[in-house]
Amino acid sequence: MELQDKVVVITGAGSGIGRALAIGLAAVGAKAVVCTDLNGDSAAETAAMIGSAASSAALDVADEAAIEALVAQTQVQHGGIDIFVSNAGYALPGGLELATEDWQRMMNVHTWSHLAAARAVIPGMIERGGGYLLSTASAAGLLTQMDSGPYAVSKHAAVALAEWIAINYADQNIKVSVLCPQAVRTNIGGPRKPGEQTKGQASFDGVLEADTVADACIETIREERFLVLPHPEVETYFQRKASDYDRWLRGMRRFKERISAG
């Protein structure tokens, strides 16, 4: 897909990958970039960095009606949406001890928000001849996240949903990509300074800057590929998982012990 003169909506655009994507897509010629975030002030800051091509709105992606309203408003204002980036997310460590509500909230933000966006934008995209969905999942969606059950499950579901849409709507010119990075220097786990070390599973292969990840997303959209893998190691791990699941599980148990031992 060519990005010149496209209308783009980005959730979670108040910082990190979402902010970098908003700025990057504007820089390569997007006509309008709608920056949304749970923190409306942060979204407005991102829009201000871009200038007149951008606008902002506060948006809780766990609220399906709010997504529908934003899409409707954007379609009226700009005549349609060409690219919808479902990027909002957050971290929450824990597992079986977490309340069901904690699991449900993470599913709402990391999976059902992508479904709500697809329901809202795909009909209009089809009417105009096609469109593009980019969803932010995680390497956890292809592998796992050992310190967070709901994160691992919700990100797996996000990848599965993206796959399903890519299969079933390709003949109507709906393109889909899903972003699956490891550690990225964002505020998802709390603010970090450049150069500050991040510990844990995701950072084992290094921590990327948000700009680097945004560039990888833009390249993938242009080439219309499904997986965005800014950490190339993820593809290798994914292949190992598929080729011998039990061996992969044993390896992950050893990896968990290694991390726990410091």
Protein backbone atom coordinates (compact mmCIF):
# COMPACT_ATOMS: atom_id res chain seq x y z
CA MET A 1 0.00 0.00 0.00
CA GLU A 2 1.18 3.49 -0.81
CA LEU A 3 0.86 5.79 2.20
CA GLN A 4 0.63 9.14 0.45
CA ASP A 5 -2.66 10.97 1.13
CA LYS A 6 -4.04 8.25 3.40
CA VAL A 7 -6.34 8.84 6.39
CA VAL A 8 -5.00 7.04 9.46
CA VAL A 9 -6.43 6.39 12.93
CA ILE A 10 -4.06 5.26 15.68
CA THR A 11 -5.02 4.13 19.17
CA GLY A 12 -2.50 4.42 21.98
CA ALA A 13 -0.90 7.32 20.11
CA GLY A 14 -0.06 9.30 23.22
CA SER A 15 3.38 7.76 23.61
CA GLY A 16 5.71 4.98 22.54
CA ILE A 17 5.02 3.00 19.39
CA GLY A 18 1.72 4.78 18.74
CA ARG A 19 3.32 8.22 18.87
CA ALA A 20 6.23 7.11 16.71
CA LEU A 21 3.84 5.61 14.16
CA ALA A 22 1.72 8.75 14.05
CA ILE A 23 4.76 10.93 13.42
CA GLY A 24 6.25 8.44 10.95
CA LEU A 25 3.09 8.01 8.89
CA ALA A 26 2.64 11.78 8.69
CA ALA A 27 6.25 12.11 7.56
CA VAL A 28 5.71 9.72 4.64
CA GLY A 29 2.68 11.61 3.39
CA ALA A 30 -0.46 10.60 5.27
CA LYS A 31 -3.14 13.19 4.64
CA ALA A 32 -4.72 12.99 8.08
CA VAL A 33 -3.57 11.29 11.26
CA VAL A 34 -6.11 10.91 14.06
CA CYS A 35 -4.21 10.37 17.32
CA THR A 36 -6.21 8.73 20.10
CA ASP A 37 -5.28 7.67 23.59
CA LEU A 38 -6.88 6.97 26.94
CA ASN A 39 -4.95 10.08 28.01
CA GLY A 40 -6.39 12.76 25.78
CA ASP A 41 -3.69 15.27 26.71
CA SER A 42 -0.97 12.87 25.55
CA ALA A 43 -2.80 12.31 22.27
CA ALA A 44 -3.03 16.07 21.81
CA GLU A 45 0.72 16.38 22.41
CA THR A 46 1.37 13.86 19.64
CA ALA A 47 -0.93 15.71 17.26
CA ALA A 48 0.84 18.99 18.08
CA MET A 49 4.18 17.40 17.17
CA ILE A 50 2.78 16.59 13.72
CA GLY A 51 0.96 19.81 12.97
CA SER A 52 -2.07 20.59 10.85
CA ALA A 53 -2.34 17.10 9.36
CA ALA A 54 -3.14 15.65 12.78
CA SER A 55 -6.02 15.75 15.23
CA SER A 56 -6.56 14.06 18.57
CA ALA A 57 -9.23 12.50 20.75
CA ALA A 58 -9.46 10.77 24.09
CA LEU A 59 -10.47 7.13 23.59
CA ASP A 60 -10.90 4.14 25.87
CA VAL A 61 -10.51 1.21 23.50
CA ALA A 62 -12.26 -1.06 25.99
CA ASP A 63 -15.45 0.86 25.12
CA GLU A 64 -16.78 -0.53 21.83
CA ALA A 65 -19.36 2.25 21.47
CA ALA A 66 -16.59 4.85 21.80
CA ILE A 67 -14.63 3.20 18.98
CA GLU A 68 -17.73 3.15 16.80
CA ALA A 69 -18.37 6.84 17.50
CA LEU A 70 -14.78 7.81 16.71
CA VAL A 71 -14.84 5.89 13.43
CA ALA A 72 -18.15 7.46 12.42
CA GLN A 73 -16.90 10.95 13.22
CA THR A 74 -13.66 10.40 11.31
CA GLN A 75 -15.51 9.06 8.28
CA VAL A 76 -17.72 12.13 8.21
CA GLN A 77 -14.79 14.50 8.65
CA HIS A 78 -12.35 12.88 6.22
CA GLY A 79 -14.57 10.83 3.92
CA GLY A 80 -13.27 7.48 5.13
CA ILE A 81 -10.43 5.70 6.91
CA ASP A 82 -7.66 4.03 4.93
CA ILE A 83 -5.54 2.64 7.76
CA PHE A 84 -6.62 1.76 11.31
CA VAL A 85 -3.86 1.03 13.80
CA SER A 86 -5.05 -0.81 16.93
CA ASN A 87 -2.08 -0.16 19.16
CA ALA A 88 -3.31 0.59 22.69
CA GLY A 89 -2.07 -1.75 25.39
CA TYR A 90 -0.77 -2.10 28.92
CA ALA A 91 1.16 -4.50 31.14
CA LEU A 92 -0.10 -6.46 34.12
CA PRO A 93 2.00 -9.16 35.80
CA GLY A 94 0.32 -12.14 37.39
CA GLY A 95 -1.61 -15.28 36.58
CA LEU A 96 -4.23 -17.46 38.19
CA GLU A 97 -4.24 -15.31 41.32
CA LEU A 98 -5.50 -12.30 39.35
CA ALA A 99 -9.21 -11.54 39.46
CA THR A 100 -11.31 -12.56 36.48
CA GLU A 101 -11.97 -8.85 35.93
CA ASP A 102 -8.24 -8.30 35.40
CA TRP A 103 -8.17 -10.98 32.71
CA GLN A 104 -11.31 -9.57 31.11
CA ARG A 105 -9.96 -6.02 31.05
CA MET A 106 -6.81 -7.15 29.30
CA MET A 107 -8.84 -9.10 26.75
CA ASN A 108 -10.98 -6.01 26.20
CA VAL A 109 -7.98 -3.81 25.51
CA HIS A 110 -5.73 -6.26 23.64
CA THR A 111 -8.26 -8.29 21.66
CA TRP A 112 -11.87 -7.11 21.67
CA SER A 113 -10.81 -3.56 20.85
CA HIS A 114 -9.29 -4.91 17.63
CA LEU A 115 -12.55 -6.70 16.88
CA ALA A 116 -14.55 -3.53 17.55
CA ALA A 117 -12.28 -1.53 15.25
CA ALA A 118 -12.57 -4.11 12.48
CA ARG A 119 -16.36 -4.17 12.76
CA ALA A 120 -16.47 -0.39 12.62
CA VAL A 121 -14.04 0.30 9.75
CA ILE A 122 -14.14 -2.69 7.40
CA PRO A 123 -17.59 -2.02 5.86
CA GLY A 124 -16.55 1.50 4.85
CA MET A 125 -13.18 0.30 3.61
CA ILE A 126 -14.89 -2.28 1.40
CA GLU A 127 -17.21 0.37 -0.03
CA ARG A 128 -14.20 2.49 -1.00
CA GLY A 129 -12.27 -0.42 -2.51
CA GLY A 130 -10.14 -1.59 0.41
CA GLY A 131 -8.13 -0.61 3.46
CA TYR A 132 -5.51 -1.67 5.96
CA LEU A 133 -5.56 -2.89 9.56
CA LEU A 134 -2.42 -2.91 11.67
CA SER A 135 -2.74 -4.41 15.14
CA THR A 136 -0.11 -4.35 17.83
CA ALA A 137 0.23 -7.73 19.47
CA SER A 138 3.60 -8.86 20.85
CA ALA A 139 6.16 -11.59 20.53
CA ALA A 140 4.08 -12.95 23.42
CA GLY A 141 1.31 -13.53 20.88
CA LEU A 142 3.53 -15.96 18.97
CA LEU A 143 5.48 -17.32 21.94
CA THR A 144 4.28 -16.48 25.47
CA GLN A 145 4.73 -14.04 28.34
CA MET A 146 5.84 -16.01 31.37
CA ASP A 147 5.18 -13.34 34.00
CA SER A 148 1.66 -12.48 32.79
CA GLY A 149 -1.03 -14.99 31.95
CA PRO A 150 -3.60 -12.47 30.70
CA TYR A 151 -1.01 -10.69 28.56
CA ALA A 152 0.04 -13.94 26.89
CA VAL A 153 -3.54 -15.05 26.29
CA SER A 154 -4.84 -11.71 25.03
CA LYS A 155 -1.89 -11.24 22.66
CA HIS A 156 -2.30 -14.77 21.26
CA ALA A 157 -5.95 -13.94 20.63
CA ALA A 158 -4.98 -10.70 18.90
CA VAL A 159 -2.75 -12.60 16.47
CA ALA A 160 -5.49 -15.18 15.84
CA LEU A 161 -8.03 -12.45 15.11
CA ALA A 162 -5.66 -10.74 12.69
CA GLU A 163 -5.05 -14.06 10.91
CA TRP A 164 -8.77 -14.68 10.59
CA ILE A 165 -9.46 -11.25 9.12
CA ALA A 166 -6.50 -11.57 6.73
CA ILE A 167 -7.88 -14.86 5.42
CA ASN A 168 -11.54 -13.94 5.17
CA TYR A 169 -11.36 -10.38 3.84
CA ALA A 170 -8.42 -10.56 1.44
CA ASP A 171 -10.74 -10.92 -1.56
CA GLN A 172 -12.33 -7.59 -0.58
CA ASN A 173 -8.92 -5.90 -0.54
CA ILE A 174 -8.60 -5.66 3.23
CA LYS A 175 -4.94 -5.95 4.13
CA VAL A 176 -3.77 -6.93 7.61
CA SER A 177 -0.49 -6.75 9.50
CA VAL A 178 0.24 -7.65 13.11
CA LEU A 179 3.16 -6.25 15.09
CA CYS A 180 4.96 -8.77 17.32
CA PRO A 181 8.01 -7.15 18.93
CA GLN A 182 9.89 -8.08 22.05
CA ALA A 183 10.95 -5.26 24.38
CA VAL A 184 10.45 -1.70 23.14
CA ARG A 185 11.34 1.41 25.09
CA THR A 186 7.83 2.64 25.88
CA ASN A 187 5.77 3.55 28.94
CA ILE A 188 3.93 0.22 29.01
CA GLY A 189 5.97 -0.94 31.97
CA GLY A 190 6.58 2.54 33.36
CA PRO A 191 8.67 5.40 31.94
CA ARG A 192 12.30 4.61 31.10
CA LYS A 193 15.19 6.82 30.11
CA PRO A 194 17.30 6.19 26.98
CA GLY A 195 20.05 3.73 27.86
CA GLU A 196 18.25 2.45 30.96
CA GLN A 197 18.31 -1.34 31.19
CA THR A 198 15.09 -3.33 31.11
CA LYS A 199 15.09 -6.73 32.75
CA GLY A 200 12.93 -9.74 31.97
CA GLN A 201 11.92 -12.15 29.25
CA ALA A 202 11.12 -9.63 26.52
CA SER A 203 14.38 -7.68 26.85
CA PHE A 204 16.68 -10.71 26.47
CA ASP A 205 17.39 -9.85 22.80
CA GLY A 206 17.65 -6.12 23.38
CA VAL A 207 15.33 -3.15 23.77
CA LEU A 208 14.37 -1.31 20.58
CA GLU A 209 13.46 2.33 20.30
CA ALA A 210 9.88 3.10 19.28
CA ASP A 211 11.06 4.88 16.12
CA THR A 212 12.76 1.69 14.92
CA VAL A 213 9.59 -0.30 15.45
CA ALA A 214 7.48 2.33 13.67
CA ASP A 215 9.82 2.22 10.67
CA ALA A 216 9.44 -1.57 10.53
CA CYS A 217 5.64 -1.19 10.58
CA ILE A 218 5.67 1.36 7.76
CA GLU A 219 7.90 -0.86 5.63
CA THR A 220 5.63 -3.85 6.26
CA ILE A 221 2.49 -1.91 5.31
CA ARG A 222 4.13 -0.78 2.09
CA GLU A 223 5.06 -4.37 1.27
CA GLU A 224 1.70 -5.73 2.54
CA ARG A 225 3.23 -8.48 4.67
CA PHE A 226 1.44 -9.98 7.65
CA LEU A 227 4.01 -10.21 10.43
CA VAL A 228 6.01 -7.24 11.65
CA LEU A 229 9.02 -8.66 13.50
CA PRO A 230 11.40 -5.87 14.52
CA HIS A 231 13.32 -8.45 16.57
CA PRO A 232 14.36 -11.02 13.94
CA GLU A 233 15.05 -13.58 16.67
CA VAL A 234 11.29 -13.97 17.17
CA GLU A 235 10.92 -15.70 13.82
CA THR A 236 13.56 -18.25 14.82
CA TYR A 237 11.89 -18.90 18.18
CA PHE A 238 8.51 -19.24 16.50
CA GLN A 239 9.89 -21.78 14.03
CA ARG A 240 11.44 -23.78 16.87
CA LYS A 241 8.15 -23.75 18.73
CA ALA A 242 6.27 -25.05 15.69
CA SER A 243 8.81 -27.75 14.87
CA ASP A 244 8.97 -29.30 18.37
CA TYR A 245 6.44 -27.94 20.85
CA ASP A 246 7.54 -30.10 23.80
CA ARG A 247 11.18 -29.16 23.35
CA TRP A 248 10.19 -25.50 23.18
CA LEU A 249 8.20 -25.82 26.42
CA ARG A 250 11.17 -27.42 28.16
CA GLY A 251 13.38 -24.62 26.92
CA MET A 252 10.96 -21.98 28.19
CA ARG A 253 10.92 -23.61 31.62
CA ARG A 254 14.71 -23.45 31.72
CA PHE A 255 14.59 -19.84 30.53
CA LYS A 256 12.16 -19.00 33.31
CA GLU A 257 14.51 -20.52 35.88
CA ARG A 258 17.39 -18.52 34.42
CA ILE A 259 15.49 -15.26 34.67
CA SER A 260 14.31 -16.03 38.19
CA ALA A 261 17.88 -16.72 39.27
CA GLY A 262 18.84 -13.22 38.11
